[in-house]
Amino acid sequence: MSFDSHSLERLRELGRQLPKPLPSPDVQISENSPANKRRHRIETEEDPQALFKELMQVSPDGNVPTHLMARLREIETKQENKEQRERSSQQTTEIAQGINTPTNNAGKGKTTLPQRPRSTPGSEEESLYVAFGQLLLEDEDET
């Protein structure tokens, strides 16, 4: 695209009239700035139990300001959510690896379900297993 001499001169004049960019401010953190001050442990603590202890040590009469109680609740919620995610992730991993299946837990204690051997329904073998199971239940009721 070409300009005639008059248009080119006009563009140069407009270019001289445009505002110049402002110089960037020198970023200096003063010693009195809030970002540079040492913060109290109540403001920085991320463990809810430790934060609670700090709040009780700082409070002379046991009363805690509402904004600090809200912070404590927020931290507790974050920790609970993190623990739930970790448990869920661990359970998913165990299921994927076949660690937490009922067949692998057999023999680990009373919390496991009894597993009957395969027998044909109505057979003498099945009726013996049922009778034995009833005897065990009756024995548990007596003790």
N, C-alpha and C. Protein backbone atom coordinates (compact mmCIF):
# COMPACT_ATOMS: atom_id res chain seq x y z
N MET A 1 0.86 -1.16 0.00
CA MET A 1 0.00 0.00 0.00
C MET A 1 0.90 1.22 0.00
N SER A 2 0.61 2.13 -0.84
CA SER A 2 1.45 3.33 -0.92
C SER A 2 0.61 4.55 -0.56
N PHE A 3 1.27 5.52 0.04
CA PHE A 3 0.62 6.77 0.43
C PHE A 3 1.22 7.91 -0.38
N ASP A 4 0.37 8.89 -0.62
CA ASP A 4 0.94 10.08 -1.25
C ASP A 4 1.68 10.87 -0.18
N SER A 5 2.44 11.83 -0.56
CA SER A 5 3.30 12.55 0.37
C SER A 5 2.50 13.30 1.43
N HIS A 6 1.32 13.81 1.06
CA HIS A 6 0.49 14.54 2.02
C HIS A 6 -0.02 13.59 3.11
N SER A 7 -0.52 12.38 2.73
CA SER A 7 -1.05 11.41 3.70
C SER A 7 0.07 10.89 4.59
N LEU A 8 1.23 10.69 4.01
CA LEU A 8 2.36 10.19 4.79
C LEU A 8 2.78 11.21 5.84
N GLU A 9 2.81 12.48 5.45
CA GLU A 9 3.15 13.53 6.40
C GLU A 9 2.10 13.62 7.51
N ARG A 10 0.85 13.49 7.17
CA ARG A 10 -0.24 13.54 8.17
C ARG A 10 -0.11 12.39 9.18
N LEU A 11 0.21 11.19 8.71
CA LEU A 11 0.40 10.05 9.60
C LEU A 11 1.57 10.29 10.57
N ARG A 12 2.62 10.87 10.08
CA ARG A 12 3.78 11.16 10.94
C ARG A 12 3.41 12.17 12.03
N GLU A 13 2.60 13.18 11.68
CA GLU A 13 2.16 14.16 12.67
C GLU A 13 1.31 13.51 13.74
N LEU A 14 0.41 12.62 13.31
CA LEU A 14 -0.44 11.92 14.28
C LEU A 14 0.40 11.02 15.18
N GLY A 15 1.40 10.42 14.61
CA GLY A 15 2.28 9.55 15.38
C GLY A 15 3.02 10.32 16.47
N ARG A 16 3.37 11.57 16.19
CA ARG A 16 4.05 12.38 17.19
C ARG A 16 3.11 12.81 18.30
N GLN A 17 1.82 12.85 18.02
CA GLN A 17 0.84 13.29 19.00
C GLN A 17 0.35 12.16 19.90
N LEU A 18 0.64 10.92 19.55
CA LEU A 18 0.18 9.79 20.36
C LEU A 18 0.88 9.82 21.72
N PRO A 19 0.15 9.41 22.75
CA PRO A 19 0.78 9.43 24.08
C PRO A 19 1.89 8.38 24.16
N LYS A 20 2.91 8.75 24.84
CA LYS A 20 4.04 7.85 25.02
C LYS A 20 3.70 6.85 26.14
N PRO A 21 4.19 5.63 26.05
CA PRO A 21 3.91 4.67 27.13
C PRO A 21 4.57 5.13 28.43
N LEU A 22 3.88 4.88 29.51
CA LEU A 22 4.39 5.28 30.82
C LEU A 22 5.56 4.38 31.19
N PRO A 23 6.52 4.94 31.84
CA PRO A 23 7.64 4.09 32.27
C PRO A 23 7.15 3.12 33.35
N SER A 24 7.66 1.91 33.33
CA SER A 24 7.23 0.92 34.30
C SER A 24 7.77 1.30 35.67
N PRO A 25 6.93 1.18 36.69
CA PRO A 25 7.37 1.57 38.03
C PRO A 25 8.39 0.56 38.54
N ASP A 26 9.35 1.06 39.29
CA ASP A 26 10.33 0.19 39.91
C ASP A 26 9.65 -0.54 41.07
N VAL A 27 9.61 -1.85 40.98
CA VAL A 27 8.96 -2.64 42.01
C VAL A 27 9.94 -2.85 43.15
N GLN A 28 9.64 -2.17 44.22
CA GLN A 28 10.47 -2.30 45.42
C GLN A 28 9.55 -2.58 46.59
N ILE A 29 9.84 -3.64 47.30
CA ILE A 29 9.04 -3.97 48.47
C ILE A 29 9.69 -3.28 49.67
N SER A 30 8.92 -2.42 50.26
CA SER A 30 9.46 -1.71 51.41
C SER A 30 9.44 -2.65 52.62
N GLU A 31 10.22 -2.30 53.60
CA GLU A 31 10.30 -3.15 54.78
C GLU A 31 9.01 -3.13 55.58
N ASN A 32 8.19 -2.11 55.41
CA ASN A 32 6.95 -2.00 56.16
C ASN A 32 5.75 -2.58 55.41
N SER A 33 5.96 -3.12 54.23
CA SER A 33 4.82 -3.64 53.47
C SER A 33 4.29 -4.90 54.13
N PRO A 34 2.97 -5.15 54.02
CA PRO A 34 2.37 -6.33 54.66
C PRO A 34 2.94 -7.64 54.12
N ALA A 35 3.35 -7.66 52.87
CA ALA A 35 3.88 -8.89 52.29
C ALA A 35 5.23 -9.25 52.88
N ASN A 36 5.94 -8.26 53.36
CA ASN A 36 7.29 -8.49 53.87
C ASN A 36 7.31 -8.72 55.38
N LYS A 37 6.24 -8.37 56.08
CA LYS A 37 6.20 -8.53 57.52
C LYS A 37 6.10 -10.01 57.89
N ARG A 38 6.69 -10.36 59.01
CA ARG A 38 6.55 -11.72 59.53
C ARG A 38 5.12 -11.88 60.01
N ARG A 39 4.51 -12.97 59.56
CA ARG A 39 3.12 -13.19 59.93
C ARG A 39 3.04 -14.14 61.12
N HIS A 40 1.99 -13.98 61.90
CA HIS A 40 1.79 -14.82 63.07
C HIS A 40 1.42 -16.23 62.63
N ARG A 41 1.75 -17.18 63.47
CA ARG A 41 1.48 -18.58 63.13
C ARG A 41 -0.01 -18.84 62.91
N ILE A 42 -0.87 -18.09 63.56
CA ILE A 42 -2.31 -18.23 63.37
C ILE A 42 -2.70 -17.95 61.92
N GLU A 43 -1.98 -17.04 61.28
CA GLU A 43 -2.29 -16.69 59.90
C GLU A 43 -1.70 -17.67 58.90
N THR A 44 -0.67 -18.41 59.30
CA THR A 44 0.01 -19.26 58.35
C THR A 44 -0.21 -20.75 58.58
N GLU A 45 -0.70 -21.15 59.73
CA GLU A 45 -0.84 -22.57 60.08
C GLU A 45 -1.87 -23.25 59.18
N GLU A 46 -1.54 -24.45 58.69
CA GLU A 46 -2.42 -25.21 57.81
C GLU A 46 -2.96 -26.48 58.46
N ASP A 47 -2.43 -26.86 59.63
CA ASP A 47 -2.92 -28.03 60.35
C ASP A 47 -4.00 -27.58 61.32
N PRO A 48 -5.23 -28.11 61.20
CA PRO A 48 -6.33 -27.63 62.05
C PRO A 48 -6.08 -27.84 63.54
N GLN A 49 -5.47 -28.94 63.92
CA GLN A 49 -5.21 -29.19 65.34
C GLN A 49 -4.18 -28.20 65.89
N ALA A 50 -3.14 -27.95 65.14
CA ALA A 50 -2.12 -27.00 65.57
C ALA A 50 -2.71 -25.58 65.62
N LEU A 51 -3.56 -25.25 64.65
CA LEU A 51 -4.19 -23.93 64.64
C LEU A 51 -5.09 -23.77 65.86
N PHE A 52 -5.84 -24.81 66.20
CA PHE A 52 -6.71 -24.75 67.38
C PHE A 52 -5.86 -24.50 68.64
N LYS A 53 -4.75 -25.20 68.77
CA LYS A 53 -3.87 -25.01 69.93
C LYS A 53 -3.35 -23.57 69.98
N GLU A 54 -2.95 -23.05 68.83
CA GLU A 54 -2.46 -21.67 68.78
C GLU A 54 -3.56 -20.69 69.19
N LEU A 55 -4.77 -20.91 68.71
CA LEU A 55 -5.88 -20.03 69.06
C LEU A 55 -6.15 -20.04 70.55
N MET A 56 -6.07 -21.22 71.16
CA MET A 56 -6.31 -21.32 72.60
C MET A 56 -5.18 -20.67 73.40
N GLN A 57 -3.96 -20.74 72.90
CA GLN A 57 -2.85 -20.11 73.61
C GLN A 57 -2.94 -18.58 73.53
N VAL A 58 -3.38 -18.08 72.40
CA VAL A 58 -3.45 -16.63 72.20
C VAL A 58 -4.66 -16.03 72.91
N SER A 59 -5.74 -16.78 73.01
CA SER A 59 -6.97 -16.26 73.59
C SER A 59 -6.92 -16.33 75.11
N PRO A 60 -7.04 -15.21 75.78
CA PRO A 60 -6.96 -15.23 77.24
C PRO A 60 -8.19 -15.87 77.90
N ASP A 61 -9.36 -15.71 77.30
CA ASP A 61 -10.58 -16.22 77.92
C ASP A 61 -11.25 -17.34 77.11
N GLY A 62 -10.61 -17.82 76.06
CA GLY A 62 -11.18 -18.90 75.26
C GLY A 62 -12.07 -18.42 74.13
N ASN A 63 -12.32 -17.12 74.06
CA ASN A 63 -13.13 -16.58 72.96
C ASN A 63 -12.24 -16.34 71.76
N VAL A 64 -12.74 -16.78 70.59
CA VAL A 64 -11.98 -16.64 69.35
C VAL A 64 -12.80 -15.81 68.38
N PRO A 65 -12.21 -14.83 67.71
CA PRO A 65 -12.95 -14.03 66.73
C PRO A 65 -13.55 -14.90 65.63
N THR A 66 -14.66 -14.44 65.10
CA THR A 66 -15.38 -15.24 64.10
C THR A 66 -14.56 -15.48 62.84
N HIS A 67 -13.74 -14.51 62.42
CA HIS A 67 -12.96 -14.72 61.20
C HIS A 67 -11.91 -15.81 61.38
N LEU A 68 -11.39 -15.95 62.61
CA LEU A 68 -10.43 -17.02 62.87
C LEU A 68 -11.12 -18.38 62.97
N MET A 69 -12.32 -18.40 63.52
CA MET A 69 -13.09 -19.65 63.57
C MET A 69 -13.46 -20.09 62.15
N ALA A 70 -13.78 -19.13 61.30
CA ALA A 70 -14.09 -19.45 59.90
C ALA A 70 -12.85 -20.02 59.21
N ARG A 71 -11.69 -19.46 59.51
CA ARG A 71 -10.44 -19.98 58.94
C ARG A 71 -10.20 -21.41 59.42
N LEU A 72 -10.44 -21.68 60.70
CA LEU A 72 -10.26 -23.03 61.24
C LEU A 72 -11.20 -24.01 60.55
N ARG A 73 -12.47 -23.62 60.38
CA ARG A 73 -13.42 -24.50 59.69
C ARG A 73 -13.00 -24.76 58.25
N GLU A 74 -12.50 -23.73 57.60
CA GLU A 74 -12.06 -23.87 56.20
C GLU A 74 -10.89 -24.86 56.10
N ILE A 75 -9.95 -24.74 57.00
CA ILE A 75 -8.79 -25.65 56.99
C ILE A 75 -9.23 -27.07 57.29
N GLU A 76 -10.16 -27.24 58.25
CA GLU A 76 -10.66 -28.58 58.56
C GLU A 76 -11.35 -29.19 57.35
N THR A 77 -12.15 -28.39 56.65
CA THR A 77 -12.85 -28.88 55.47
C THR A 77 -11.87 -29.30 54.39
N LYS A 78 -10.84 -28.48 54.18
CA LYS A 78 -9.82 -28.82 53.18
C LYS A 78 -9.14 -30.15 53.53
N GLN A 79 -8.81 -30.32 54.82
CA GLN A 79 -8.13 -31.55 55.23
C GLN A 79 -9.05 -32.76 55.07
N GLU A 80 -10.33 -32.62 55.43
CA GLU A 80 -11.28 -33.73 55.27
C GLU A 80 -11.42 -34.11 53.80
N ASN A 81 -11.54 -33.11 52.94
CA ASN A 81 -11.66 -33.38 51.51
C ASN A 81 -10.42 -34.08 50.98
N LYS A 82 -9.25 -33.64 51.45
CA LYS A 82 -8.00 -34.26 51.01
C LYS A 82 -7.95 -35.72 51.45
N GLU A 83 -8.34 -35.99 52.70
CA GLU A 83 -8.33 -37.36 53.21
C GLU A 83 -9.32 -38.23 52.45
N GLN A 84 -10.50 -37.69 52.12
CA GLN A 84 -11.48 -38.45 51.35
C GLN A 84 -10.95 -38.78 49.97
N ARG A 85 -10.30 -37.82 49.32
CA ARG A 85 -9.72 -38.08 48.00
C ARG A 85 -8.65 -39.16 48.08
N GLU A 86 -7.83 -39.09 49.13
CA GLU A 86 -6.77 -40.09 49.29
C GLU A 86 -7.35 -41.48 49.52
N ARG A 87 -8.40 -41.57 50.38
CA ARG A 87 -9.04 -42.87 50.61
C ARG A 87 -9.66 -43.40 49.34
N SER A 88 -10.33 -42.53 48.62
CA SER A 88 -10.98 -42.95 47.37
C SER A 88 -9.95 -43.42 46.36
N SER A 89 -8.85 -42.70 46.28
CA SER A 89 -7.78 -43.08 45.36
C SER A 89 -7.18 -44.42 45.77
N GLN A 90 -6.99 -44.62 47.07
CA GLN A 90 -6.41 -45.87 47.56
C GLN A 90 -7.36 -47.04 47.29
N GLN A 91 -8.67 -46.82 47.51
CA GLN A 91 -9.64 -47.88 47.25
C GLN A 91 -9.68 -48.22 45.77
N THR A 92 -9.62 -47.21 44.93
CA THR A 92 -9.62 -47.45 43.50
C THR A 92 -8.40 -48.26 43.09
N THR A 93 -7.25 -47.92 43.67
CA THR A 93 -6.02 -48.65 43.38
C THR A 93 -6.13 -50.09 43.86
N GLU A 94 -6.66 -50.29 45.07
CA GLU A 94 -6.80 -51.64 45.61
C GLU A 94 -7.75 -52.47 44.76
N ILE A 95 -8.84 -51.89 44.34
CA ILE A 95 -9.80 -52.62 43.50
C ILE A 95 -9.15 -52.97 42.17
N ALA A 96 -8.42 -52.03 41.60
CA ALA A 96 -7.76 -52.28 40.32
C ALA A 96 -6.72 -53.39 40.45
N GLN A 97 -6.06 -53.46 41.61
CA GLN A 97 -5.04 -54.48 41.81
C GLN A 97 -5.63 -55.77 42.37
N GLY A 98 -6.91 -55.76 42.72
CA GLY A 98 -7.56 -56.95 43.24
C GLY A 98 -7.23 -57.22 44.69
N ILE A 99 -6.80 -56.20 45.43
CA ILE A 99 -6.39 -56.38 46.82
C ILE A 99 -7.59 -56.47 47.74
N ASN A 100 -8.61 -55.69 47.52
CA ASN A 100 -9.70 -55.54 48.47
C ASN A 100 -10.95 -56.33 48.07
N THR A 101 -10.80 -57.39 47.36
CA THR A 101 -11.96 -58.17 46.95
C THR A 101 -12.33 -59.15 48.04
N PRO A 102 -13.60 -59.56 48.16
CA PRO A 102 -14.01 -60.47 49.22
C PRO A 102 -13.25 -61.80 49.20
N THR A 103 -12.91 -62.31 48.03
CA THR A 103 -12.20 -63.59 47.98
C THR A 103 -10.80 -63.46 48.55
N ASN A 104 -10.17 -62.30 48.42
CA ASN A 104 -8.83 -62.11 48.96
C ASN A 104 -8.86 -61.83 50.46
N ASN A 105 -10.02 -61.39 50.98
CA ASN A 105 -10.13 -61.10 52.41
C ASN A 105 -10.58 -62.31 53.21
N ALA A 106 -10.87 -63.41 52.57
CA ALA A 106 -11.35 -64.58 53.28
C ALA A 106 -10.32 -65.02 54.30
N GLY A 107 -10.79 -65.31 55.51
CA GLY A 107 -9.91 -65.78 56.56
C GLY A 107 -9.24 -64.65 57.32
N LYS A 108 -9.64 -63.41 57.13
CA LYS A 108 -9.00 -62.29 57.83
C LYS A 108 -9.74 -61.89 59.10
N GLY A 109 -10.84 -62.56 59.44
CA GLY A 109 -11.54 -62.20 60.66
C GLY A 109 -13.03 -62.36 60.52
N LYS A 110 -13.77 -61.92 61.55
CA LYS A 110 -15.21 -62.10 61.57
C LYS A 110 -15.96 -61.19 60.60
N THR A 111 -15.30 -60.19 60.08
CA THR A 111 -15.99 -59.26 59.19
C THR A 111 -16.19 -59.83 57.79
N THR A 112 -15.56 -60.96 57.51
CA THR A 112 -15.71 -61.54 56.18
C THR A 112 -16.97 -62.39 56.12
N LEU A 113 -17.54 -62.47 54.94
CA LEU A 113 -18.72 -63.29 54.75
C LEU A 113 -18.31 -64.75 54.58
N PRO A 114 -19.10 -65.68 55.15
CA PRO A 114 -18.76 -67.09 54.96
C PRO A 114 -18.96 -67.49 53.51
N GLN A 115 -18.09 -68.33 53.04
CA GLN A 115 -18.20 -68.80 51.66
C GLN A 115 -18.46 -70.30 51.69
N ARG A 116 -19.59 -70.68 51.20
CA ARG A 116 -19.94 -72.10 51.15
C ARG A 116 -19.29 -72.75 49.95
N PRO A 117 -18.90 -74.00 50.13
CA PRO A 117 -18.41 -74.71 48.96
C PRO A 117 -19.58 -74.98 48.01
N ARG A 118 -19.27 -75.11 46.77
CA ARG A 118 -20.34 -75.31 45.79
C ARG A 118 -20.94 -76.70 45.98
N SER A 119 -22.25 -76.69 46.16
CA SER A 119 -22.98 -77.96 46.25
C SER A 119 -24.32 -77.78 45.55
N THR A 120 -24.85 -78.85 45.07
CA THR A 120 -26.11 -78.74 44.33
C THR A 120 -27.25 -78.48 45.31
N PRO A 121 -28.16 -77.57 44.95
CA PRO A 121 -29.29 -77.26 45.84
C PRO A 121 -30.13 -78.50 46.11
N GLY A 122 -30.52 -78.65 47.37
CA GLY A 122 -31.38 -79.78 47.76
C GLY A 122 -30.61 -81.05 48.05
N SER A 123 -29.30 -81.06 47.90
CA SER A 123 -28.52 -82.27 48.15
C SER A 123 -28.31 -82.45 49.64
N GLU A 124 -27.88 -83.63 50.01
CA GLU A 124 -27.61 -83.94 51.41
C GLU A 124 -26.46 -83.08 51.93
N GLU A 125 -25.47 -82.84 51.10
CA GLU A 125 -24.32 -82.02 51.47
C GLU A 125 -24.76 -80.61 51.84
N GLU A 126 -25.67 -80.05 51.03
CA GLU A 126 -26.14 -78.69 51.32
C GLU A 126 -26.92 -78.66 52.61
N SER A 127 -27.75 -79.65 52.86
CA SER A 127 -28.54 -79.66 54.09
C SER A 127 -27.65 -79.79 55.31
N LEU A 128 -26.53 -80.52 55.19
CA LEU A 128 -25.58 -80.63 56.30
C LEU A 128 -24.91 -79.28 56.59
N TYR A 129 -24.55 -78.56 55.53
CA TYR A 129 -23.96 -77.23 55.72
C TYR A 129 -24.95 -76.28 56.38
N VAL A 130 -26.19 -76.35 55.98
CA VAL A 130 -27.21 -75.47 56.57
C VAL A 130 -27.39 -75.81 58.04
N ALA A 131 -27.47 -77.11 58.37
CA ALA A 131 -27.64 -77.54 59.76
C ALA A 131 -26.44 -77.11 60.60
N PHE A 132 -25.24 -77.27 60.06
CA PHE A 132 -24.03 -76.86 60.78
C PHE A 132 -24.03 -75.36 61.04
N GLY A 133 -24.43 -74.59 60.04
CA GLY A 133 -24.51 -73.14 60.20
C GLY A 133 -25.50 -72.74 61.28
N GLN A 134 -26.63 -73.44 61.35
CA GLN A 134 -27.63 -73.14 62.38
C GLN A 134 -27.09 -73.48 63.77
N LEU A 135 -26.36 -74.58 63.88
CA LEU A 135 -25.75 -74.94 65.16
C LEU A 135 -24.77 -73.86 65.62
N LEU A 136 -23.98 -73.34 64.68
CA LEU A 136 -23.03 -72.28 65.03
C LEU A 136 -23.77 -71.03 65.52
N LEU A 137 -24.86 -70.68 64.85
CA LEU A 137 -25.63 -69.50 65.26
C LEU A 137 -26.24 -69.70 66.63
N GLU A 138 -26.76 -70.91 66.89
CA GLU A 138 -27.34 -71.17 68.20
C GLU A 138 -26.28 -71.11 69.28
N ASP A 139 -25.08 -71.62 68.96
CA ASP A 139 -23.98 -71.61 69.92
C ASP A 139 -23.57 -70.18 70.24
N GLU A 140 -23.57 -69.28 69.24
CA GLU A 140 -23.23 -67.88 69.46
C GLU A 140 -24.24 -67.20 70.35
N ASP A 141 -25.54 -67.55 70.21
CA ASP A 141 -26.58 -66.94 71.03
C ASP A 141 -26.44 -67.30 72.49
N GLU A 142 -25.95 -68.49 72.79
CA GLU A 142 -25.82 -68.95 74.17
C GLU A 142 -24.63 -68.28 74.86
N THR A 143 -23.62 -67.87 74.14
CA THR A 143 -22.45 -67.26 74.79
C THR A 143 -22.52 -65.78 74.88
